[in-house]
Amino acid sequence: MITFSLAKGRIEKSFYKLFEKLGIDTSFIKVDSRKLIFSNDKIRIILTKPVDVPSLVEFGIADFGIVGKDIILEENKDVSELLDLKIEYCKIVIAGKKNIKIEDIKSISTKYTNISKKYFENKGKDVEIIKLSGSVELGAVLNLSDVIIDIVDSGKTLEENKLKVIDVICESSARLISNNASLKTKYEEMKYWISIIEGVI
């Protein structure tokens, strides 16, 4: 049996639609329940927070994972990135109250601490990184930091808080990742799933 770990929320719902295109009945998952693990005679689904998907895949709890590129970059786990599923597009951006120059930034509020550190290290710049897990926009709005680094979809939240995009660090979308050992020990079965998912993207 193949196990998928899905990021709960928007990616989870989008992937159900993809499964349905494959002719897979997802009614066994779509039940009014607080369960986190679902299975039928072919697959097992583990629902978890996005940030935990790469860990479950790295340690072999799940063969495949469905999670955003932003989480893959931030967590930096030993997994294989196989496919861009071309769903749930967004961007990781630097935003602030005004068009402050990158070289003038001294502090950042973000939940993407690793991405932020790498971005500024590549620019040869040392900045203070303040970790926020909730409404990251508050970091700039309340002058806790010069700017924020966060994920943006429509940009409406930034606009409503009078923040502007200063730079785009990278684009993100949902990706199919896999456990490295599973690719060897379950090669034929894994190859089958990769090929049919790729066929409907």
N, C-alpha and C. Protein backbone atom coordinates (compact mmCIF):
# COMPACT_ATOMS: atom_id res chain seq x y z
N MET A 1 0.84 -1.21 0.00
CA MET A 1 0.00 0.00 0.00
C MET A 1 0.87 1.25 0.00
N ILE A 2 0.47 2.24 -0.78
CA ILE A 2 1.19 3.50 -0.85
C ILE A 2 0.53 4.51 0.09
N THR A 3 1.36 5.26 0.81
CA THR A 3 0.87 6.26 1.76
C THR A 3 1.20 7.66 1.26
N PHE A 4 0.18 8.50 1.24
CA PHE A 4 0.33 9.92 0.90
C PHE A 4 0.15 10.75 2.16
N SER A 5 1.01 11.74 2.37
CA SER A 5 0.81 12.74 3.41
C SER A 5 0.38 14.03 2.73
N LEU A 6 -0.78 14.54 3.11
CA LEU A 6 -1.32 15.75 2.49
C LEU A 6 -1.32 16.91 3.46
N ALA A 7 -0.94 18.09 2.98
CA ALA A 7 -1.05 19.31 3.76
C ALA A 7 -2.53 19.68 3.88
N LYS A 8 -3.02 19.77 5.11
CA LYS A 8 -4.42 20.10 5.33
C LYS A 8 -4.76 21.50 4.81
N GLY A 9 -5.99 21.64 4.33
CA GLY A 9 -6.43 22.95 3.85
C GLY A 9 -6.60 22.99 2.35
N ARG A 10 -6.14 24.08 1.75
CA ARG A 10 -6.37 24.32 0.32
C ARG A 10 -5.71 23.25 -0.56
N ILE A 11 -4.47 22.87 -0.23
CA ILE A 11 -3.78 21.87 -1.04
C ILE A 11 -4.49 20.53 -0.95
N GLU A 12 -4.94 20.19 0.24
CA GLU A 12 -5.69 18.94 0.44
C GLU A 12 -6.91 18.89 -0.48
N LYS A 13 -7.70 19.97 -0.49
CA LYS A 13 -8.92 20.00 -1.30
C LYS A 13 -8.61 19.97 -2.79
N SER A 14 -7.55 20.67 -3.18
CA SER A 14 -7.16 20.67 -4.60
C SER A 14 -6.70 19.29 -5.04
N PHE A 15 -6.01 18.58 -4.16
CA PHE A 15 -5.51 17.26 -4.53
C PHE A 15 -6.66 16.25 -4.63
N TYR A 16 -7.71 16.43 -3.85
CA TYR A 16 -8.87 15.55 -4.00
C TYR A 16 -9.44 15.67 -5.41
N LYS A 17 -9.46 16.89 -5.93
CA LYS A 17 -9.97 17.08 -7.29
C LYS A 17 -9.08 16.35 -8.29
N LEU A 18 -7.77 16.40 -8.05
CA LEU A 18 -6.84 15.70 -8.92
C LEU A 18 -7.07 14.19 -8.84
N PHE A 19 -7.27 13.69 -7.62
CA PHE A 19 -7.57 12.26 -7.43
C PHE A 19 -8.83 11.86 -8.20
N GLU A 20 -9.84 12.73 -8.13
CA GLU A 20 -11.10 12.43 -8.80
C GLU A 20 -10.92 12.38 -10.32
N LYS A 21 -9.99 13.20 -10.86
CA LYS A 21 -9.68 13.13 -12.29
C LYS A 21 -9.07 11.78 -12.65
N LEU A 22 -8.42 11.16 -11.66
CA LEU A 22 -7.82 9.85 -11.87
C LEU A 22 -8.83 8.72 -11.71
N GLY A 23 -10.08 9.11 -11.37
CA GLY A 23 -11.12 8.09 -11.18
C GLY A 23 -11.08 7.47 -9.80
N ILE A 24 -10.39 8.12 -8.86
CA ILE A 24 -10.29 7.59 -7.50
C ILE A 24 -11.40 8.19 -6.65
N ASP A 25 -12.19 7.32 -6.03
CA ASP A 25 -13.28 7.76 -5.17
C ASP A 25 -12.68 8.30 -3.86
N THR A 26 -12.92 9.58 -3.58
CA THR A 26 -12.35 10.20 -2.37
C THR A 26 -13.35 10.28 -1.23
N SER A 27 -14.49 9.61 -1.37
CA SER A 27 -15.51 9.68 -0.32
C SER A 27 -15.03 9.09 1.00
N PHE A 28 -14.04 8.18 0.93
CA PHE A 28 -13.54 7.58 2.17
C PHE A 28 -12.73 8.59 3.00
N ILE A 29 -12.31 9.68 2.37
CA ILE A 29 -11.59 10.74 3.08
C ILE A 29 -12.54 11.85 3.49
N LYS A 30 -13.48 12.17 2.60
CA LYS A 30 -14.39 13.30 2.83
C LYS A 30 -15.52 12.91 3.78
N VAL A 31 -15.18 12.67 4.99
CA VAL A 31 -16.19 12.32 5.99
C VAL A 31 -16.11 13.33 7.12
N ASP A 32 -17.23 13.51 7.82
CA ASP A 32 -17.28 14.45 8.93
C ASP A 32 -16.62 13.80 10.14
N SER A 33 -15.32 13.99 10.23
CA SER A 33 -14.55 13.29 11.25
C SER A 33 -13.32 14.08 11.63
N ARG A 34 -12.80 13.82 12.80
CA ARG A 34 -11.55 14.42 13.24
C ARG A 34 -10.37 13.47 13.00
N LYS A 35 -10.64 12.39 12.31
CA LYS A 35 -9.58 11.44 11.99
C LYS A 35 -8.50 12.10 11.14
N LEU A 36 -7.28 11.61 11.29
CA LEU A 36 -6.16 12.13 10.53
C LEU A 36 -5.61 11.12 9.53
N ILE A 37 -6.03 9.86 9.67
CA ILE A 37 -5.54 8.80 8.79
C ILE A 37 -6.73 8.07 8.17
N PHE A 38 -6.71 7.96 6.84
CA PHE A 38 -7.79 7.32 6.10
C PHE A 38 -7.18 6.32 5.12
N SER A 39 -7.90 5.25 4.87
CA SER A 39 -7.36 4.27 3.90
C SER A 39 -8.47 3.50 3.22
N ASN A 40 -8.15 3.03 2.01
CA ASN A 40 -9.02 2.07 1.33
C ASN A 40 -8.13 0.90 0.93
N ASP A 41 -8.53 0.13 -0.07
CA ASP A 41 -7.74 -1.05 -0.42
C ASP A 41 -6.48 -0.74 -1.23
N LYS A 42 -6.30 0.54 -1.64
CA LYS A 42 -5.15 0.90 -2.47
C LYS A 42 -4.18 1.89 -1.82
N ILE A 43 -4.74 2.87 -1.12
CA ILE A 43 -3.90 3.95 -0.59
C ILE A 43 -4.27 4.29 0.85
N ARG A 44 -3.30 4.91 1.52
CA ARG A 44 -3.54 5.46 2.85
C ARG A 44 -3.23 6.96 2.77
N ILE A 45 -4.07 7.76 3.39
CA ILE A 45 -3.90 9.21 3.40
C ILE A 45 -3.69 9.68 4.83
N ILE A 46 -2.61 10.45 5.04
CA ILE A 46 -2.36 11.07 6.34
C ILE A 46 -2.51 12.57 6.18
N LEU A 47 -3.41 13.17 6.94
CA LEU A 47 -3.62 14.62 6.89
C LEU A 47 -2.84 15.26 8.03
N THR A 48 -2.07 16.29 7.71
CA THR A 48 -1.26 16.95 8.73
C THR A 48 -1.03 18.41 8.38
N LYS A 49 -0.45 19.14 9.30
CA LYS A 49 -0.09 20.53 9.00
C LYS A 49 0.96 20.54 7.90
N PRO A 50 0.92 21.54 7.02
CA PRO A 50 1.88 21.58 5.91
C PRO A 50 3.33 21.41 6.35
N VAL A 51 3.70 22.07 7.45
CA VAL A 51 5.08 22.06 7.89
C VAL A 51 5.57 20.66 8.27
N ASP A 52 4.65 19.74 8.58
CA ASP A 52 5.03 18.39 9.01
C ASP A 52 5.13 17.40 7.86
N VAL A 53 4.62 17.75 6.69
CA VAL A 53 4.63 16.81 5.55
C VAL A 53 6.04 16.36 5.18
N PRO A 54 7.01 17.27 4.99
CA PRO A 54 8.35 16.82 4.62
C PRO A 54 8.99 15.87 5.64
N SER A 55 8.71 16.09 6.92
CA SER A 55 9.28 15.20 7.95
C SER A 55 8.69 13.80 7.86
N LEU A 56 7.38 13.71 7.67
CA LEU A 56 6.74 12.39 7.55
C LEU A 56 7.27 11.63 6.34
N VAL A 57 7.56 12.37 5.27
CA VAL A 57 8.10 11.74 4.06
C VAL A 57 9.57 11.36 4.27
N GLU A 58 10.35 12.24 4.85
CA GLU A 58 11.78 11.97 5.06
C GLU A 58 11.99 10.71 5.90
N PHE A 59 11.17 10.53 6.94
CA PHE A 59 11.34 9.39 7.84
C PHE A 59 10.57 8.15 7.41
N GLY A 60 9.96 8.20 6.22
CA GLY A 60 9.33 7.01 5.67
C GLY A 60 7.96 6.68 6.22
N ILE A 61 7.37 7.59 6.97
CA ILE A 61 5.99 7.37 7.44
C ILE A 61 5.05 7.45 6.24
N ALA A 62 5.39 8.32 5.30
CA ALA A 62 4.64 8.43 4.05
C ALA A 62 5.58 8.22 2.88
N ASP A 63 5.08 7.57 1.83
CA ASP A 63 5.88 7.38 0.60
C ASP A 63 5.90 8.66 -0.22
N PHE A 64 4.73 9.29 -0.33
CA PHE A 64 4.58 10.54 -1.07
C PHE A 64 4.09 11.64 -0.14
N GLY A 65 4.40 12.87 -0.49
CA GLY A 65 3.86 14.02 0.20
C GLY A 65 3.37 15.04 -0.80
N ILE A 66 2.33 15.77 -0.45
CA ILE A 66 1.81 16.87 -1.26
C ILE A 66 1.89 18.12 -0.41
N VAL A 67 2.76 19.06 -0.82
CA VAL A 67 2.99 20.23 0.01
C VAL A 67 3.53 21.36 -0.87
N GLY A 68 3.42 22.58 -0.38
CA GLY A 68 3.88 23.74 -1.14
C GLY A 68 5.40 23.81 -1.24
N LYS A 69 5.88 24.38 -2.33
CA LYS A 69 7.31 24.58 -2.53
C LYS A 69 7.90 25.42 -1.41
N ASP A 70 7.13 26.37 -0.89
CA ASP A 70 7.63 27.21 0.20
C ASP A 70 8.01 26.39 1.42
N ILE A 71 7.20 25.37 1.73
CA ILE A 71 7.48 24.51 2.88
C ILE A 71 8.69 23.63 2.60
N ILE A 72 8.81 23.15 1.38
CA ILE A 72 9.97 22.33 1.00
C ILE A 72 11.26 23.12 1.19
N LEU A 73 11.27 24.37 0.74
CA LEU A 73 12.45 25.21 0.87
C LEU A 73 12.75 25.55 2.33
N GLU A 74 11.71 25.83 3.08
CA GLU A 74 11.90 26.23 4.48
C GLU A 74 12.38 25.07 5.34
N GLU A 75 11.80 23.89 5.14
CA GLU A 75 12.13 22.74 6.00
C GLU A 75 13.42 22.04 5.57
N ASN A 76 13.74 22.08 4.27
CA ASN A 76 15.00 21.55 3.75
C ASN A 76 15.26 20.11 4.21
N LYS A 77 14.28 19.24 4.02
CA LYS A 77 14.40 17.83 4.42
C LYS A 77 14.99 17.00 3.28
N ASP A 78 15.45 15.81 3.62
CA ASP A 78 16.07 14.91 2.64
C ASP A 78 14.97 14.10 1.93
N VAL A 79 14.33 14.76 0.98
CA VAL A 79 13.26 14.13 0.19
C VAL A 79 13.51 14.43 -1.28
N SER A 80 12.81 13.71 -2.15
CA SER A 80 12.92 13.96 -3.59
C SER A 80 11.71 14.74 -4.07
N GLU A 81 11.95 15.85 -4.75
CA GLU A 81 10.86 16.62 -5.33
C GLU A 81 10.63 16.11 -6.74
N LEU A 82 9.43 15.58 -7.00
CA LEU A 82 9.16 14.86 -8.25
C LEU A 82 8.39 15.67 -9.28
N LEU A 83 7.29 16.29 -8.86
CA LEU A 83 6.42 16.97 -9.81
C LEU A 83 5.89 18.28 -9.27
N ASP A 84 5.79 19.26 -10.16
CA ASP A 84 5.04 20.48 -9.88
C ASP A 84 3.59 20.18 -10.25
N LEU A 85 2.70 20.17 -9.27
CA LEU A 85 1.31 19.82 -9.52
C LEU A 85 0.51 20.96 -10.13
N LYS A 86 1.13 22.12 -10.22
CA LYS A 86 0.52 23.28 -10.89
C LYS A 86 -0.82 23.68 -10.28
N ILE A 87 -0.88 23.57 -8.96
CA ILE A 87 -2.06 24.04 -8.21
C ILE A 87 -1.57 24.87 -7.03
N GLU A 88 -2.44 25.74 -6.55
CA GLU A 88 -2.16 26.58 -5.38
C GLU A 88 -0.91 27.44 -5.58
N TYR A 89 -0.93 28.23 -6.66
CA TYR A 89 0.17 29.14 -6.94
C TYR A 89 0.21 30.30 -5.94
N CYS A 90 1.39 30.71 -5.56
CA CYS A 90 1.59 31.88 -4.70
C CYS A 90 3.06 32.31 -4.81
N LYS A 91 3.42 33.35 -4.09
CA LYS A 91 4.80 33.85 -4.12
C LYS A 91 5.27 34.13 -2.70
N ILE A 92 6.58 33.96 -2.48
CA ILE A 92 7.19 34.41 -1.23
C ILE A 92 7.82 35.76 -1.53
N VAL A 93 7.39 36.77 -0.78
CA VAL A 93 7.82 38.14 -1.08
C VAL A 93 8.36 38.86 0.15
N ILE A 94 9.12 39.91 -0.13
CA ILE A 94 9.50 40.88 0.89
C ILE A 94 8.56 42.06 0.71
N ALA A 95 7.94 42.48 1.80
CA ALA A 95 6.99 43.60 1.71
C ALA A 95 7.19 44.54 2.89
N GLY A 96 6.88 45.80 2.65
CA GLY A 96 7.01 46.81 3.71
C GLY A 96 6.08 47.98 3.46
N LYS A 97 6.12 48.95 4.39
CA LYS A 97 5.26 50.12 4.28
C LYS A 97 5.63 51.00 3.10
N LYS A 98 6.91 51.02 2.78
CA LYS A 98 7.36 51.89 1.70
C LYS A 98 8.39 51.12 0.88
N ASN A 99 8.76 51.69 -0.22
CA ASN A 99 9.74 51.02 -1.09
C ASN A 99 11.15 51.17 -0.56
N ILE A 100 11.37 50.59 0.59
CA ILE A 100 12.70 50.60 1.20
C ILE A 100 13.64 49.76 0.34
N LYS A 101 14.85 50.18 0.21
CA LYS A 101 15.82 49.43 -0.58
C LYS A 101 16.30 48.21 0.20
N ILE A 102 16.59 47.15 -0.52
CA ILE A 102 17.04 45.91 0.11
C ILE A 102 18.25 46.17 1.02
N GLU A 103 19.17 47.00 0.54
CA GLU A 103 20.40 47.24 1.31
C GLU A 103 20.15 48.00 2.61
N ASP A 104 18.96 48.62 2.75
CA ASP A 104 18.64 49.37 3.97
C ASP A 104 17.91 48.53 5.01
N ILE A 105 17.54 47.31 4.66
CA ILE A 105 16.77 46.46 5.58
C ILE A 105 17.68 45.94 6.69
N LYS A 106 17.22 46.14 7.93
CA LYS A 106 17.98 45.67 9.09
C LYS A 106 17.22 44.60 9.89
N SER A 107 15.91 44.54 9.73
CA SER A 107 15.12 43.56 10.50
C SER A 107 13.94 43.05 9.68
N ILE A 108 13.56 41.80 9.94
CA ILE A 108 12.50 41.12 9.19
C ILE A 108 11.60 40.37 10.16
N SER A 109 10.31 40.40 9.90
CA SER A 109 9.36 39.52 10.60
C SER A 109 8.90 38.46 9.62
N THR A 110 8.90 37.20 10.03
CA THR A 110 8.55 36.13 9.10
C THR A 110 8.36 34.81 9.83
N LYS A 111 7.66 33.88 9.17
CA LYS A 111 7.64 32.50 9.64
C LYS A 111 8.64 31.67 8.83
N TYR A 112 9.16 32.27 7.76
CA TYR A 112 10.12 31.60 6.89
C TYR A 112 11.55 32.01 7.28
N THR A 113 11.99 31.57 8.43
CA THR A 113 13.28 32.01 8.94
C THR A 113 14.45 31.47 8.10
N ASN A 114 14.37 30.23 7.65
CA ASN A 114 15.46 29.65 6.87
C ASN A 114 15.56 30.27 5.48
N ILE A 115 14.41 30.45 4.84
CA ILE A 115 14.38 31.10 3.53
C ILE A 115 14.93 32.52 3.63
N SER A 116 14.52 33.22 4.68
CA SER A 116 14.96 34.61 4.88
C SER A 116 16.48 34.67 5.09
N LYS A 117 16.97 33.78 5.95
CA LYS A 117 18.41 33.77 6.24
C LYS A 117 19.22 33.50 4.97
N LYS A 118 18.78 32.52 4.19
CA LYS A 118 19.51 32.18 2.96
C LYS A 118 19.47 33.33 1.96
N TYR A 119 18.31 33.96 1.83
CA TYR A 119 18.16 35.07 0.88
C TYR A 119 19.17 36.18 1.18
N PHE A 120 19.25 36.57 2.46
CA PHE A 120 20.13 37.69 2.80
C PHE A 120 21.60 37.27 2.89
N GLU A 121 21.86 36.01 3.21
CA GLU A 121 23.23 35.51 3.17
C GLU A 121 23.78 35.58 1.74
N ASN A 122 22.91 35.26 0.77
CA ASN A 122 23.32 35.32 -0.64
C ASN A 122 23.61 36.75 -1.08
N LYS A 123 23.05 37.70 -0.35
CA LYS A 123 23.30 39.11 -0.66
C LYS A 123 24.42 39.68 0.21
N GLY A 124 25.00 38.81 1.05
CA GLY A 124 26.09 39.24 1.93
C GLY A 124 25.65 40.22 2.99
N LYS A 125 24.39 40.07 3.44
CA LYS A 125 23.84 41.03 4.40
C LYS A 125 23.37 40.33 5.67
N ASP A 126 23.71 40.89 6.82
CA ASP A 126 23.30 40.35 8.11
C ASP A 126 22.07 41.13 8.60
N VAL A 127 20.98 40.42 8.86
CA VAL A 127 19.75 41.08 9.33
C VAL A 127 19.21 40.35 10.55
N GLU A 128 18.41 41.06 11.32
CA GLU A 128 17.73 40.44 12.47
C GLU A 128 16.44 39.80 11.96
N ILE A 129 16.25 38.52 12.30
CA ILE A 129 15.05 37.80 11.87
C ILE A 129 14.17 37.53 13.08
N ILE A 130 12.96 38.08 13.04
CA ILE A 130 12.00 37.92 14.13
C ILE A 130 10.93 36.94 13.68
N LYS A 131 10.79 35.83 14.38
CA LYS A 131 9.82 34.81 13.96
C LYS A 131 8.43 35.13 14.46
N LEU A 132 7.49 35.20 13.52
CA LEU A 132 6.07 35.34 13.82
C LEU A 132 5.34 34.18 13.14
N SER A 133 4.38 33.60 13.83
CA SER A 133 3.67 32.45 13.26
C SER A 133 2.26 32.78 12.80
N GLY A 134 1.74 33.92 13.22
CA GLY A 134 0.38 34.27 12.87
C GLY A 134 0.30 35.30 11.76
N SER A 135 -0.25 36.45 12.09
CA SER A 135 -0.41 37.52 11.10
C SER A 135 0.92 38.26 10.95
N VAL A 136 1.73 37.76 10.03
CA VAL A 136 3.08 38.29 9.84
C VAL A 136 3.05 39.78 9.45
N GLU A 137 1.99 40.22 8.77
CA GLU A 137 1.88 41.61 8.34
C GLU A 137 2.05 42.59 9.50
N LEU A 138 1.67 42.15 10.70
CA LEU A 138 1.76 43.03 11.86
C LEU A 138 3.19 43.46 12.15
N GLY A 139 4.15 42.64 11.74
CA GLY A 139 5.54 42.99 11.96
C GLY A 139 5.91 44.33 11.36
N ALA A 140 5.45 44.57 10.13
CA ALA A 140 5.73 45.85 9.45
C ALA A 140 4.74 46.92 9.87
N VAL A 141 3.47 46.55 10.02
CA VAL A 141 2.43 47.52 10.37
C VAL A 141 2.73 48.18 11.72
N LEU A 142 3.21 47.38 12.69
CA LEU A 142 3.47 47.88 14.04
C LEU A 142 4.93 48.27 14.27
N ASN A 143 5.70 48.30 13.18
CA ASN A 143 7.11 48.70 13.24
C ASN A 143 7.97 47.79 14.10
N LEU A 144 7.56 46.54 14.20
CA LEU A 144 8.40 45.56 14.89
C LEU A 144 9.65 45.28 14.05
N SER A 145 9.49 45.37 12.74
CA SER A 145 10.60 45.14 11.82
C SER A 145 10.46 46.08 10.62
N ASP A 146 11.55 46.19 9.86
CA ASP A 146 11.52 47.04 8.68
C ASP A 146 10.57 46.48 7.62
N VAL A 147 10.62 45.17 7.43
CA VAL A 147 9.81 44.50 6.40
C VAL A 147 9.35 43.14 6.91
N ILE A 148 8.54 42.49 6.11
CA ILE A 148 8.14 41.11 6.38
C ILE A 148 8.54 40.25 5.18
N ILE A 149 8.66 38.96 5.41
CA ILE A 149 8.78 37.99 4.33
C ILE A 149 7.66 37.00 4.54
N ASP A 150 6.77 36.91 3.56
CA ASP A 150 5.59 36.07 3.72
C ASP A 150 5.12 35.56 2.37
N ILE A 151 4.17 34.66 2.42
CA ILE A 151 3.58 34.09 1.22
C ILE A 151 2.39 34.96 0.81
N VAL A 152 2.27 35.20 -0.49
CA VAL A 152 1.22 36.08 -1.01
C VAL A 152 0.50 35.39 -2.15
N ASP A 153 -0.82 35.47 -2.11
CA ASP A 153 -1.64 34.92 -3.18
C ASP A 153 -2.14 36.07 -4.05
N SER A 154 -3.22 36.70 -3.65
CA SER A 154 -3.78 37.81 -4.43
C SER A 154 -3.12 39.14 -4.10
N GLY A 155 -2.51 39.24 -2.93
CA GLY A 155 -1.91 40.50 -2.50
C GLY A 155 -2.89 41.41 -1.79
N LYS A 156 -4.11 40.95 -1.62
CA LYS A 156 -5.16 41.78 -1.01
C LYS A 156 -4.85 42.13 0.45
N THR A 157 -4.32 41.15 1.19
CA THR A 157 -4.01 41.39 2.60
C THR A 157 -2.93 42.46 2.74
N LEU A 158 -1.91 42.40 1.88
CA LEU A 158 -0.88 43.42 1.90
C LEU A 158 -1.47 44.79 1.60
N GLU A 159 -2.30 44.83 0.58
CA GLU A 159 -2.91 46.09 0.16
C GLU A 159 -3.75 46.70 1.26
N GLU A 160 -4.55 45.86 1.92
CA GLU A 160 -5.43 46.37 2.98
C GLU A 160 -4.65 46.86 4.20
N ASN A 161 -3.42 46.37 4.34
CA ASN A 161 -2.57 46.82 5.45
C ASN A 161 -1.52 47.83 5.00
N LYS A 162 -1.73 48.37 3.78
CA LYS A 162 -0.88 49.42 3.22
C LYS A 162 0.58 49.00 3.13
N LEU A 163 0.79 47.77 2.70
CA LEU A 163 2.13 47.25 2.49
C LEU A 163 2.34 46.99 1.01
N LYS A 164 3.58 47.13 0.56
CA LYS A 164 3.91 46.94 -0.85
C LYS A 164 4.99 45.87 -1.00
N VAL A 165 4.91 45.14 -2.10
CA VAL A 165 5.95 44.14 -2.41
C VAL A 165 7.22 44.85 -2.84
N ILE A 166 8.33 44.52 -2.19
CA ILE A 166 9.63 45.11 -2.52
C ILE A 166 10.42 44.18 -3.43
N ASP A 167 10.30 42.87 -3.17
CA ASP A 167 11.01 41.90 -4.00
C ASP A 167 10.29 40.56 -3.91
N VAL A 168 10.36 39.79 -4.98
CA VAL A 168 9.82 38.42 -4.99
C VAL A 168 10.99 37.46 -4.82
N ILE A 169 10.97 36.69 -3.75
CA ILE A 169 12.05 35.74 -3.49
C ILE A 169 11.91 34.51 -4.37
N CYS A 170 10.70 33.95 -4.43
CA CYS A 170 10.46 32.80 -5.31
C CYS A 170 8.98 32.59 -5.48
N GLU A 171 8.62 31.81 -6.49
CA GLU A 171 7.24 31.40 -6.70
C GLU A 171 7.04 30.03 -6.09
N SER A 172 5.82 29.75 -5.70
CA SER A 172 5.52 28.47 -5.05
C SER A 172 4.24 27.88 -5.61
N SER A 173 4.16 26.57 -5.58
CA SER A 173 2.95 25.83 -5.93
C SER A 173 3.05 24.48 -5.24
N ALA A 174 1.98 23.71 -5.27
CA ALA A 174 1.99 22.40 -4.63
C ALA A 174 2.89 21.44 -5.40
N ARG A 175 3.67 20.66 -4.68
CA ARG A 175 4.60 19.71 -5.29
C ARG A 175 4.37 18.31 -4.75
N LEU A 176 4.73 17.33 -5.58
CA LEU A 176 4.73 15.93 -5.16
C LEU A 176 6.15 15.59 -4.74
N ILE A 177 6.32 15.18 -3.48
CA ILE A 177 7.63 14.77 -3.00
C ILE A 177 7.57 13.31 -2.59
N SER A 178 8.74 12.69 -2.44
CA SER A 178 8.74 11.27 -2.07
C SER A 178 9.89 10.93 -1.14
N ASN A 179 9.70 9.82 -0.45
CA ASN A 179 10.75 9.26 0.39
C ASN A 179 11.78 8.59 -0.51
N ASN A 180 13.05 8.85 -0.27
CA ASN A 180 14.10 8.33 -1.14
C ASN A 180 14.19 6.81 -1.13
N ALA A 181 14.01 6.21 0.03
CA ALA A 181 14.07 4.75 0.12
C ALA A 181 12.89 4.10 -0.59
N SER A 182 11.71 4.72 -0.48
CA SER A 182 10.52 4.16 -1.14
C SER A 182 10.69 4.11 -2.65
N LEU A 183 11.40 5.09 -3.20
CA LEU A 183 11.62 5.10 -4.65
C LEU A 183 12.39 3.87 -5.11
N LYS A 184 13.16 3.28 -4.20
CA LYS A 184 13.92 2.08 -4.54
C LYS A 184 13.16 0.80 -4.18
N THR A 185 12.62 0.76 -2.97
CA THR A 185 11.98 -0.48 -2.49
C THR A 185 10.59 -0.70 -3.06
N LYS A 186 9.92 0.39 -3.47
CA LYS A 186 8.58 0.28 -4.05
C LYS A 186 8.58 0.87 -5.46
N TYR A 187 9.64 0.65 -6.18
CA TYR A 187 9.87 1.34 -7.45
C TYR A 187 8.69 1.25 -8.42
N GLU A 188 8.21 0.05 -8.70
CA GLU A 188 7.15 -0.11 -9.70
C GLU A 188 5.86 0.58 -9.27
N GLU A 189 5.51 0.41 -8.00
CA GLU A 189 4.28 1.02 -7.50
C GLU A 189 4.39 2.54 -7.48
N MET A 190 5.54 3.03 -7.05
CA MET A 190 5.76 4.48 -7.03
C MET A 190 5.75 5.04 -8.45
N LYS A 191 6.41 4.36 -9.35
CA LYS A 191 6.46 4.79 -10.75
C LYS A 191 5.06 4.88 -11.34
N TYR A 192 4.20 3.93 -10.99
CA TYR A 192 2.82 3.92 -11.47
C TYR A 192 2.09 5.20 -11.02
N TRP A 193 2.20 5.53 -9.73
CA TRP A 193 1.51 6.70 -9.20
C TRP A 193 2.06 7.99 -9.80
N ILE A 194 3.36 8.06 -9.93
CA ILE A 194 3.97 9.25 -10.52
C ILE A 194 3.47 9.46 -11.95
N SER A 195 3.40 8.38 -12.71
CA SER A 195 3.01 8.49 -14.12
C SER A 195 1.54 8.90 -14.26
N ILE A 196 0.65 8.34 -13.43
CA ILE A 196 -0.77 8.70 -13.60
C ILE A 196 -1.06 10.11 -13.09
N ILE A 197 -0.34 10.53 -12.05
CA ILE A 197 -0.51 11.91 -11.56
C ILE A 197 0.02 12.89 -12.59
N GLU A 198 1.17 12.57 -13.16
CA GLU A 198 1.75 13.44 -14.19
C GLU A 198 0.81 13.54 -15.40
N GLY A 199 0.09 12.47 -15.65
CA GLY A 199 -0.80 12.43 -16.81
C GLY A 199 -1.98 13.35 -16.72
N VAL A 200 -2.37 13.74 -15.50
CA VAL A 200 -3.56 14.62 -15.35
C VAL A 200 -3.18 16.06 -14.98
N ILE A 201 -1.90 16.34 -14.83
CA ILE A 201 -1.48 17.70 -14.49
C ILE A 201 -1.70 18.62 -15.71
